[in-house]
PDB file of N, CA and C in Angstrom:
ATOM      1  N   MET A   1      -6.589   1.047  15.090  1.00  0.00           N
ATOM      2  CA  MET A   1      -5.921   2.157  14.474  1.00  0.00           C
ATOM      3  C   MET A   1      -6.970   3.189  14.038  1.00  0.00           C
ATOM      4  N   PRO A   2      -6.783   4.462  14.402  1.00  0.00           N
ATOM      5  CA  PRO A   2      -7.756   5.478  14.037  1.00  0.00           C
ATOM      6  C   PRO A   2      -7.771   5.731  12.525  1.00  0.00           C
ATOM      7  N   PRO A   3      -8.876   6.299  12.026  1.00  0.00           N
ATOM      8  CA  PRO A   3      -8.920   6.612  10.586  1.00  0.00           C
ATOM      9  C   PRO A   3      -7.836   7.572  10.203  1.00  0.00           C
ATOM     10  N   PRO A   4      -7.347   7.512   8.964  1.00  0.00           N
ATOM     11  CA  PRO A   4      -6.326   8.422   8.484  1.00  0.00           C
ATOM     12  C   PRO A   4      -6.807   9.856   8.559  1.00  0.00           C
ATOM     13  N   GLY A   5      -5.931  10.781   8.947  1.00  0.00           N
ATOM     14  CA  GLY A   5      -6.278  12.199   9.016  1.00  0.00           C
ATOM     15  C   GLY A   5      -6.235  12.869   7.628  1.00  0.00           C
ATOM     16  N   PRO A   6      -6.689  14.081   7.562  1.00  0.00           N
ATOM     17  CA  PRO A   6      -6.682  14.793   6.272  1.00  0.00           C
ATOM     18  C   PRO A   6      -5.266  14.939   5.759  1.00  0.00           C
ATOM     19  N   GLY A   7      -5.074  14.709   4.513  1.00  0.00           N
ATOM     20  CA  GLY A   7      -3.735  14.824   3.900  1.00  0.00           C
ATOM     21  C   GLY A   7      -2.876  13.605   4.075  1.00  0.00           C
ATOM     22  N   THR A   8      -3.321  12.619   4.833  1.00  0.00           N
ATOM     23  CA  THR A   8      -2.546  11.386   5.003  1.00  0.00           C
ATOM     24  C   THR A   8      -2.642  10.572   3.724  1.00  0.00           C
ATOM     25  N   PRO A   9      -1.522  10.114   3.149  1.00  0.00           N
ATOM     26  CA  PRO A   9      -1.620   9.244   1.986  1.00  0.00           C
ATOM     27  C   PRO A   9      -2.213   7.904   2.338  1.00  0.00           C
ATOM     28  N   VAL A  10      -3.124   7.441   1.475  1.00  0.00           N
ATOM     29  CA  VAL A  10      -3.867   6.199   1.732  1.00  0.00           C
ATOM     30  C   VAL A  10      -3.850   5.332   0.483  1.00  0.00           C
ATOM     31  N   ILE A  11      -3.592   4.048   0.704  1.00  0.00           N
ATOM     32  CA  ILE A  11      -3.839   3.038  -0.318  1.00  0.00           C
ATOM     33  C   ILE A  11      -5.068   2.252   0.128  1.00  0.00           C
ATOM     34  N   THR A  12      -6.107   2.286  -0.618  1.00  0.00           N
ATOM     35  CA  THR A  12      -7.328   1.560  -0.281  1.00  0.00           C
ATOM     36  C   THR A  12      -7.408   0.286  -1.108  1.00  0.00           C
ATOM     37  N   ILE A  13      -7.735  -0.819  -0.442  1.00  0.00           N
ATOM     38  CA  ILE A  13      -7.952  -2.087  -1.144  1.00  0.00           C
ATOM     39  C   ILE A  13      -9.438  -2.376  -1.040  1.00  0.00           C
ATOM     40  N   SER A  14     -10.043  -2.545  -2.229  1.00  0.00           N
ATOM     41  CA  SER A  14     -11.490  -2.770  -2.268  1.00  0.00           C
ATOM     42  C   SER A  14     -11.819  -3.547  -3.549  1.00  0.00           C
ATOM     43  N   GLY A  15     -12.704  -4.516  -3.441  1.00  0.00           N
ATOM     44  CA  GLY A  15     -13.111  -5.275  -4.638  1.00  0.00           C
ATOM     45  C   GLY A  15     -11.950  -6.004  -5.308  1.00  0.00           C
ATOM     46  N   MET A  16     -11.015  -6.484  -4.503  1.00  0.00           N
ATOM     47  CA  MET A  16      -9.850  -7.228  -4.971  1.00  0.00           C
ATOM     48  C   MET A  16      -8.938  -6.362  -5.866  1.00  0.00           C
ATOM     49  N   GLY A  17      -8.856  -5.081  -5.524  1.00  0.00           N
ATOM     50  CA  GLY A  17      -7.957  -4.188  -6.273  1.00  0.00           C
ATOM     51  C   GLY A  17      -7.502  -3.028  -5.388  1.00  0.00           C
ATOM     52  N   TYR A  18      -6.404  -2.412  -5.811  1.00  0.00           N
ATOM     53  CA  TYR A  18      -5.877  -1.227  -5.123  1.00  0.00           C
ATOM     54  C   TYR A  18      -6.466   0.022  -5.684  1.00  0.00           C
ATOM     55  N   SER A  19      -6.528   1.063  -4.865  1.00  0.00           N
ATOM     56  CA  SER A  19      -6.916   2.404  -5.363  1.00  0.00           C
ATOM     57  C   SER A  19      -5.883   2.843  -6.380  1.00  0.00           C
ATOM     58  N   ALA A  20      -6.103   3.972  -7.010  1.00  0.00           N
ATOM     59  CA  ALA A  20      -5.185   4.495  -8.004  1.00  0.00           C
ATOM     60  C   ALA A  20      -3.790   4.627  -7.447  1.00  0.00           C
ATOM     61  N   PRO A  21      -2.776   4.525  -8.310  1.00  0.00           N
ATOM     62  CA  PRO A  21      -1.373   4.748  -7.848  1.00  0.00           C
ATOM     63  C   PRO A  21      -1.281   6.082  -7.112  1.00  0.00           C
ATOM     64  N   ILE A  22      -0.377   6.175  -6.127  1.00  0.00           N
ATOM     65  CA  ILE A  22      -0.217   7.415  -5.373  1.00  0.00           C
ATOM     66  C   ILE A  22       1.212   7.907  -5.432  1.00  0.00           C
ATOM     67  N   THR A  23       1.368   9.197  -5.153  1.00  0.00           N
ATOM     68  CA  THR A  23       2.685   9.848  -5.084  1.00  0.00           C
ATOM     69  C   THR A  23       2.862  10.399  -3.685  1.00  0.00           C
ATOM     70  N   VAL A  24       3.999  10.137  -3.084  1.00  0.00           N
ATOM     71  CA  VAL A  24       4.267  10.566  -1.725  1.00  0.00           C
ATOM     72  C   VAL A  24       5.696  11.099  -1.587  1.00  0.00           C
ATOM     73  N   ALA A  25       5.958  11.764  -0.488  1.00  0.00           N
ATOM     74  CA  ALA A  25       7.309  12.243  -0.183  1.00  0.00           C
ATOM     75  C   ALA A  25       8.164  11.065   0.337  1.00  0.00           C
ATOM     76  N   PRO A  26       9.475  11.167   0.174  1.00  0.00           N
ATOM     77  CA  PRO A  26      10.338  10.102   0.716  1.00  0.00           C
ATOM     78  C   PRO A  26      10.102   9.899   2.226  1.00  0.00           C
ATOM     79  N   GLY A  27       9.956   8.641   2.622  1.00  0.00           N
ATOM     80  CA  GLY A  27       9.777   8.282   4.020  1.00  0.00           C
ATOM     81  C   GLY A  27       8.381   8.537   4.578  1.00  0.00           C
ATOM     82  N   ALA A  28       7.436   8.917   3.727  1.00  0.00           N
ATOM     83  CA  ALA A  28       6.074   9.205   4.200  1.00  0.00           C
ATOM     84  C   ALA A  28       5.424   7.965   4.816  1.00  0.00           C
ATOM     85  N   GLN A  29       4.569   8.213   5.807  1.00  0.00           N
ATOM     86  CA  GLN A  29       3.762   7.141   6.392  1.00  0.00           C
ATOM     87  C   GLN A  29       2.473   7.020   5.572  1.00  0.00           C
ATOM     88  N   ILE A  30       2.230   5.851   5.022  1.00  0.00           N
ATOM     89  CA  ILE A  30       1.049   5.583   4.201  1.00  0.00           C
ATOM     90  C   ILE A  30       0.119   4.653   4.963  1.00  0.00           C
ATOM     91  N   THR A  31      -1.140   5.013   5.060  1.00  0.00           N
ATOM     92  CA  THR A  31      -2.145   4.123   5.678  1.00  0.00           C
ATOM     93  C   THR A  31      -2.700   3.206   4.608  1.00  0.00           C
ATOM     94  N   ILE A  32      -2.711   1.919   4.892  1.00  0.00           N
ATOM     95  CA  ILE A  32      -3.327   0.951   3.997  1.00  0.00           C
ATOM     96  C   ILE A  32      -4.668   0.544   4.624  1.00  0.00           C
ATOM     97  N   VAL A  33      -5.756   0.725   3.884  1.00  0.00           N
ATOM     98  CA  VAL A  33      -7.072   0.411   4.365  1.00  0.00           C
ATOM     99  C   VAL A  33      -7.610  -0.742   3.505  1.00  0.00           C
ATOM    100  N   ASN A  34      -7.828  -1.891   4.130  1.00  0.00           N
ATOM    101  CA  ASN A  34      -8.344  -3.065   3.425  1.00  0.00           C
ATOM    102  C   ASN A  34      -9.848  -3.152   3.683  1.00  0.00           C
ATOM    103  N   ASP A  35     -10.632  -2.811   2.681  1.00  0.00           N
ATOM    104  CA  ASP A  35     -12.124  -2.897   2.794  1.00  0.00           C
ATOM    105  C   ASP A  35     -12.654  -4.272   2.447  1.00  0.00           C
ATOM    106  N   ASP A  36     -11.779  -5.148   1.929  1.00  0.00           N
ATOM    107  CA  ASP A  36     -12.221  -6.505   1.566  1.00  0.00           C
ATOM    108  C   ASP A  36     -12.298  -7.383   2.813  1.00  0.00           C
ATOM    109  N   GLU A  37     -12.985  -8.486   2.700  1.00  0.00           N
ATOM    110  CA  GLU A  37     -13.112  -9.441   3.814  1.00  0.00           C
ATOM    111  C   GLU A  37     -11.877 -10.335   3.964  1.00  0.00           C
ATOM    112  N   VAL A  38     -11.065 -10.425   2.907  1.00  0.00           N
ATOM    113  CA  VAL A  38      -9.913 -11.317   2.922  1.00  0.00           C
ATOM    114  C   VAL A  38      -8.624 -10.518   3.087  1.00  0.00           C
ATOM    115  N   ALA A  39      -7.565 -11.214   3.568  1.00  0.00           N
ATOM    116  CA  ALA A  39      -6.271 -10.591   3.753  1.00  0.00           C
ATOM    117  C   ALA A  39      -5.597 -10.284   2.411  1.00  0.00           C
ATOM    118  N   HIS A  40      -4.807  -9.232   2.403  1.00  0.00           N
ATOM    119  CA  HIS A  40      -4.016  -8.851   1.246  1.00  0.00           C
ATOM    120  C   HIS A  40      -2.634  -8.403   1.704  1.00  0.00           C
ATOM    121  N   THR A  41      -1.742  -8.166   0.744  1.00  0.00           N
ATOM    122  CA  THR A  41      -0.437  -7.579   1.044  1.00  0.00           C
ATOM    123  C   THR A  41      -0.205  -6.426   0.111  1.00  0.00           C
ATOM    124  N   VAL A  42       0.706  -5.554   0.527  1.00  0.00           N
ATOM    125  CA  VAL A  42       1.294  -4.535  -0.364  1.00  0.00           C
ATOM    126  C   VAL A  42       2.760  -4.909  -0.357  1.00  0.00           C
ATOM    127  N   THR A  43       3.180  -5.616  -1.411  1.00  0.00           N
ATOM    128  CA  THR A  43       4.520  -6.172  -1.498  1.00  0.00           C
ATOM    129  C   THR A  43       5.292  -5.622  -2.692  1.00  0.00           C
ATOM    130  N   SER A  44       6.395  -4.989  -2.396  1.00  0.00           N
ATOM    131  CA  SER A  44       7.223  -4.410  -3.452  1.00  0.00           C
ATOM    132  C   SER A  44       7.700  -5.479  -4.438  1.00  0.00           C
ATOM    133  N   ARG A  45       7.700  -5.106  -5.707  1.00  0.00           N
ATOM    134  CA  ARG A  45       8.250  -5.996  -6.724  1.00  0.00           C
ATOM    135  C   ARG A  45       9.756  -6.018  -6.670  1.00  0.00           C
ATOM    136  N   THR A  46      10.351  -5.056  -5.930  1.00  0.00           N
ATOM    137  CA  THR A  46      11.803  -5.054  -5.663  1.00  0.00           C
ATOM    138  C   THR A  46      11.963  -5.836  -4.381  1.00  0.00           C
ATOM    139  N   LYS A  47      12.525  -7.022  -4.496  1.00  0.00           N
ATOM    140  CA  LYS A  47      12.596  -7.951  -3.344  1.00  0.00           C
ATOM    141  C   LYS A  47      13.156  -7.300  -2.097  1.00  0.00           C
ATOM    142  N   GLY A  48      12.417  -7.434  -0.997  1.00  0.00           N
ATOM    143  CA  GLY A  48      12.879  -6.980   0.307  1.00  0.00           C
ATOM    144  C   GLY A  48      12.659  -5.503   0.610  1.00  0.00           C
ATOM    145  N   LEU A  49      12.099  -4.734  -0.312  1.00  0.00           N
ATOM    146  CA  LEU A  49      11.931  -3.299  -0.068  1.00  0.00           C
ATOM    147  C   LEU A  49      10.803  -2.992   0.920  1.00  0.00           C
ATOM    148  N   PHE A  50       9.615  -3.571   0.648  1.00  0.00           N
ATOM    149  CA  PHE A  50       8.492  -3.473   1.612  1.00  0.00           C
ATOM    150  C   PHE A  50       7.536  -4.621   1.387  1.00  0.00           C
ATOM    151  N   ASP A  51       6.939  -5.056   2.475  1.00  0.00           N
ATOM    152  CA  ASP A  51       5.995  -6.187   2.449  1.00  0.00           C
ATOM    153  C   ASP A  51       5.070  -6.046   3.643  1.00  0.00           C
ATOM    154  N   VAL A  52       3.883  -5.470   3.422  1.00  0.00           N
ATOM    155  CA  VAL A  52       2.962  -5.191   4.513  1.00  0.00           C
ATOM    156  C   VAL A  52       1.749  -6.076   4.321  1.00  0.00           C
ATOM    157  N   HIS A  53       1.434  -6.867   5.358  1.00  0.00           N
ATOM    158  CA  HIS A  53       0.266  -7.744   5.336  1.00  0.00           C
ATOM    159  C   HIS A  53      -0.856  -7.014   6.102  1.00  0.00           C
ATOM    160  N   VAL A  54      -2.070  -7.055   5.533  1.00  0.00           N
ATOM    161  CA  VAL A  54      -3.213  -6.407   6.172  1.00  0.00           C
ATOM    162  C   VAL A  54      -4.413  -7.343   6.089  1.00  0.00           C
ATOM    163  N   GLY A  55      -4.923  -7.703   7.255  1.00  0.00           N
ATOM    164  CA  GLY A  55      -6.064  -8.627   7.338  1.00  0.00           C
ATOM    165  C   GLY A  55      -7.334  -8.003   6.769  1.00  0.00           C
ATOM    166  N   GLY A  56      -8.316  -8.860   6.512  1.00  0.00           N
ATOM    167  CA  GLY A  56      -9.610  -8.406   6.025  1.00  0.00           C
ATOM    168  C   GLY A  56     -10.233  -7.361   6.974  1.00  0.00           C
ATOM    169  N   LYS A  57     -10.732  -6.281   6.396  1.00  0.00           N
ATOM    170  CA  LYS A  57     -11.368  -5.196   7.144  1.00  0.00           C
ATOM    171  C   LYS A  57     -10.402  -4.569   8.209  1.00  0.00           C
ATOM    172  N   GLN A  58      -9.120  -4.572   7.909  1.00  0.00           N
ATOM    173  CA  GLN A  58      -8.105  -4.049   8.817  1.00  0.00           C
ATOM    174  C   GLN A  58      -7.342  -2.894   8.154  1.00  0.00           C
ATOM    175  N   ARG A  59      -6.472  -2.251   8.941  1.00  0.00           N
ATOM    176  CA  ARG A  59      -5.616  -1.202   8.467  1.00  0.00           C
ATOM    177  C   ARG A  59      -4.173  -1.510   8.854  1.00  0.00           C
ATOM    178  N   ALA A  60      -3.253  -0.947   8.112  1.00  0.00           N
ATOM    179  CA  ALA A  60      -1.830  -1.122   8.439  1.00  0.00           C
ATOM    180  C   ALA A  60      -1.074   0.107   7.968  1.00  0.00           C
ATOM    181  N   LEU A  61       0.196   0.223   8.378  1.00  0.00           N
ATOM    182  CA  LEU A  61       1.017   1.350   7.942  1.00  0.00           C
ATOM    183  C   LEU A  61       2.181   0.854   7.118  1.00  0.00           C
ATOM    184  N   LEU A  62       2.526   1.673   6.142  1.00  0.00           N
ATOM    185  CA  LEU A  62       3.682   1.419   5.266  1.00  0.00           C
ATOM    186  C   LEU A  62       4.529   2.679   5.267  1.00  0.00           C
ATOM    187  N   THR A  63       5.811   2.544   5.475  1.00  0.00           N
ATOM    188  CA  THR A  63       6.723   3.672   5.351  1.00  0.00           C
ATOM    189  C   THR A  63       7.286   3.652   3.929  1.00  0.00           C
ATOM    190  N   ALA A  64       7.093   4.738   3.207  1.00  0.00           N
ATOM    191  CA  ALA A  64       7.577   4.827   1.819  1.00  0.00           C
ATOM    192  C   ALA A  64       9.102   4.763   1.797  1.00  0.00           C
ATOM    193  N   PRO A  65       9.665   4.232   0.730  1.00  0.00           N
ATOM    194  CA  PRO A  65      11.121   4.251   0.591  1.00  0.00           C
ATOM    195  C   PRO A  65      11.659   5.668   0.653  1.00  0.00           C
ATOM    196  N   SER A  66      12.924   5.803   1.047  1.00  0.00           N
ATOM    197  CA  SER A  66      13.527   7.164   1.165  1.00  0.00           C
ATOM    198  C   SER A  66      14.127   7.609  -0.175  1.00  0.00           C
ATOM    199  N   ASP A  67      14.301   6.697  -1.116  1.00  0.00           N
ATOM    200  CA  ASP A  67      14.863   7.108  -2.397  1.00  0.00           C
ATOM    201  C   ASP A  67      13.758   7.372  -3.407  1.00  0.00           C
ATOM    202  N   PRO A  68      13.847   8.515  -4.124  1.00  0.00           N
ATOM    203  CA  PRO A  68      12.844   8.818  -5.139  1.00  0.00           C
ATOM    204  C   PRO A  68      12.809   7.739  -6.232  1.00  0.00           C
ATOM    205  N   GLY A  69      11.638   7.515  -6.789  1.00  0.00           N
ATOM    206  CA  GLY A  69      11.481   6.548  -7.860  1.00  0.00           C
ATOM    207  C   GLY A  69      10.058   6.004  -7.916  1.00  0.00           C
ATOM    208  N   GLU A  70       9.835   5.109  -8.848  1.00  0.00           N
ATOM    209  CA  GLU A  70       8.517   4.465  -8.984  1.00  0.00           C
ATOM    210  C   GLU A  70       8.693   3.032  -8.542  1.00  0.00           C
ATOM    211  N   TYR A  71       7.808   2.608  -7.641  1.00  0.00           N
ATOM    212  CA  TYR A  71       7.902   1.285  -7.014  1.00  0.00           C
ATOM    213  C   TYR A  71       6.619   0.526  -7.313  1.00  0.00           C
ATOM    214  N   GLY A  72       6.732  -0.490  -8.116  1.00  0.00           N
ATOM    215  CA  GLY A  72       5.585  -1.363  -8.376  1.00  0.00           C
ATOM    216  C   GLY A  72       5.357  -2.279  -7.186  1.00  0.00           C
ATOM    217  N   PHE A  73       4.095  -2.626  -6.944  1.00  0.00           N
ATOM    218  CA  PHE A  73       3.789  -3.583  -5.879  1.00  0.00           C
ATOM    219  C   PHE A  73       2.606  -4.444  -6.271  1.00  0.00           C
ATOM    220  N   ASP A  74       2.482  -5.556  -5.590  1.00  0.00           N
ATOM    221  CA  ASP A  74       1.375  -6.460  -5.827  1.00  0.00           C
ATOM    222  C   ASP A  74       0.958  -7.135  -4.525  1.00  0.00           C
ATOM    223  N   CYS A  75      -0.048  -7.996  -4.621  1.00  0.00           N
ATOM    224  CA  CYS A  75      -0.517  -8.765  -3.468  1.00  0.00           C
ATOM    225  C   CYS A  75       0.051 -10.181  -3.550  1.00  0.00           C
ATOM    226  N   THR A  76       0.741 -10.628  -2.520  1.00  0.00           N
ATOM    227  CA  THR A  76       1.313 -11.968  -2.523  1.00  0.00           C
ATOM    228  C   THR A  76       0.250 -13.038  -2.709  1.00  0.00           C
ATOM    229  N   TYR A  77      -0.946 -12.803  -2.115  1.00  0.00           N
ATOM    230  CA  TYR A  77      -2.001 -13.778  -2.175  1.00  0.00           C
ATOM    231  C   TYR A  77      -2.772 -13.734  -3.505  1.00  0.00           C
ATOM    232  N   HIS A  78      -2.804 -12.586  -4.121  1.00  0.00           N
ATOM    233  CA  HIS A  78      -3.610 -12.350  -5.332  1.00  0.00           C
ATOM    234  C   HIS A  78      -2.728 -11.624  -6.349  1.00  0.00           C
ATOM    235  N   PRO A  79      -1.884 -12.337  -7.087  1.00  0.00           N
ATOM    236  CA  PRO A  79      -0.872 -11.714  -7.985  1.00  0.00           C
ATOM    237  C   PRO A  79      -1.466 -10.823  -9.094  1.00  0.00           C
ATOM    238  N   ALA A  80      -2.751 -10.956  -9.389  1.00  0.00           N
ATOM    239  CA  ALA A  80      -3.333 -10.083 -10.404  1.00  0.00           C
ATOM    240  C   ALA A  80      -3.569  -8.679  -9.865  1.00  0.00           C
ATOM    241  N   MET A  81      -3.498  -8.489  -8.548  1.00  0.00           N
ATOM    242  CA  MET A  81      -3.638  -7.164  -7.956  1.00  0.00           C
ATOM    243  C   MET A  81      -2.293  -6.442  -8.048  1.00  0.00           C
ATOM    244  N   VAL A  82      -2.205  -5.392  -8.841  1.00  0.00           N
ATOM    245  CA  VAL A  82      -0.951  -4.653  -9.017  1.00  0.00           C
ATOM    246  C   VAL A  82      -1.228  -3.148  -8.986  1.00  0.00           C
ATOM    247  N   SER A  83      -0.232  -2.388  -8.554  1.00  0.00           N
ATOM    248  CA  SER A  83      -0.304  -0.922  -8.564  1.00  0.00           C
ATOM    249  C   SER A  83       1.120  -0.405  -8.435  1.00  0.00           C
ATOM    250  N   SER A  84       1.237   0.907  -8.202  1.00  0.00           N
ATOM    251  CA  SER A  84       2.567   1.491  -8.036  1.00  0.00           C
ATOM    252  C   SER A  84       2.508   2.642  -7.040  1.00  0.00           C
ATOM    253  N   LEU A  85       3.679   2.938  -6.526  1.00  0.00           N
ATOM    254  CA  LEU A  85       3.897   4.011  -5.562  1.00  0.00           C
ATOM    255  C   LEU A  85       5.014   4.850  -6.105  1.00  0.00           C
ATOM    256  N   THR A  86       4.787   6.150  -6.284  1.00  0.00           N
ATOM    257  CA  THR A  86       5.855   7.054  -6.744  1.00  0.00           C
ATOM    258  C   THR A  86       6.319   7.875  -5.548  1.00  0.00           C
ATOM    259  N   VAL A  87       7.647   7.917  -5.383  1.00  0.00           N
ATOM    260  CA  VAL A  87       8.248   8.696  -4.315  1.00  0.00           C
ATOM    261  C   VAL A  87       9.019   9.823  -4.978  1.00  0.00           C
ATOM    262  N   LYS A  88       8.664  11.086  -4.584  1.00  0.00           N
ATOM    263  CA  LYS A  88       9.407  12.240  -5.107  1.00  0.00           C
ATOM    264  C   LYS A  88       9.244  13.422  -4.198  1.00  0.00           C
TER     265      LYS A  88
END
């Protein structure tokens, strides 16, 4: 997967933590960049909304929900990793 372009929303995972919470438009494509050696997930705390697995040193894509709101998420493998995504 090529690096994200300018203006592309990005969630970076590094040092067993997520980058700062981000705000995106409804349905935006978000690039997840995992700089850690181990796998992580970006899993919505609202069951079934989104669950993206990204291997160590890998990238993945997440489509933001279409409804405005604040969406908390965590890592299934590392529950202390938490952040949020705002859609507006």
